[in-house]
């Protein structure tokens, strides 16, 4: 298929472009490069032998999106483009709703006018919110605890309504948990601008001597070591999940919903220990107060996607940390080098 990937110059998007091209699809990337990198698109080309087309555009810009669909044949959309930091969303909530929700509406309107009716949506486990459940399946009630999570739930709802009322519209929403890692080649990885808002790039920068120490937000959660538990999943596994979703977008009417994760919980301190082992050096850390919008535990039940598509993660936590560290050591100044 000819696949439009919004946010395809970003962390998960660029890895998904690799898997799409390897699966035989043609890729057009739309990215405003506020968080993504044109160099990441170039490196997708290095890895696969085929560089995706890159359209630099903002998904909230209706005219720009109309132009993209006018210039390119598109069979389906994989929609990543969004603001994504939980903590930041509590500081600038309206910006998050504008980019994530208004941007999705604008994208869907342009796609509909172009006759494009297939979408795979990048959603989030944060929709489940503050829960004490050991694992979360797709029937767990939504309980968003921050504006970012609310935007993802709102997008799911509007896509579901579009599928219900618009003839021919089909979608898959993937609620994935905490993507980390990097492409095993060392050519693609996570390169945040400014101070990292996700834990693994921050760990990596401390290990590389670029920052003094890791702040662990909260040591008094109701968990074995007092730190929050998450289901960390390799970014390549997430990328492959999107390609499989594209293959199955027509399996049912309306919007299908699946979790992507490993089904295993890892605390922040356990992740810290695993990254120390990957880097081969101690990584200074300090436990500080909880961060607004965080919850104690988020771990996926992935039985539904395993049964429907036979998708299962291939990489373990050790590989996630080793691949992340390889990207940092081989790209000490990220994509700028």
Foldseek 3Di string as FASTA:
>chain_A
DEEEEEVLQAALNLLLLLVCVVVPYAYEYEYLCPWGDPLSQVVSCVVRVDRHHYDNDQLLDLVSLLVVLVVDPHAEYEYDFFDAFQQVCQVPVVVRLSRLVSSLVSNVVSCVVSVHAEYEYEAALLQLPADPDLADWPPRHGDHQGSNSVSRVNSLVVQLVCLVPPPPHFYEYEHEWAEFFFPQVLSGHHAGPDQDSDQLVNQLCQLVVNDVAAEQAFQCAPDPRGFAKTFYAYSSLVSVVVVLCRVCRVVDGGYHYFYDGAQDIDGPVRLQVLLCVLSVHHGHYDYDHHRRRDYRYHGHDHVVCCVPRVRHGDDDSNNRSNRNNSNCVVCVNHSVD
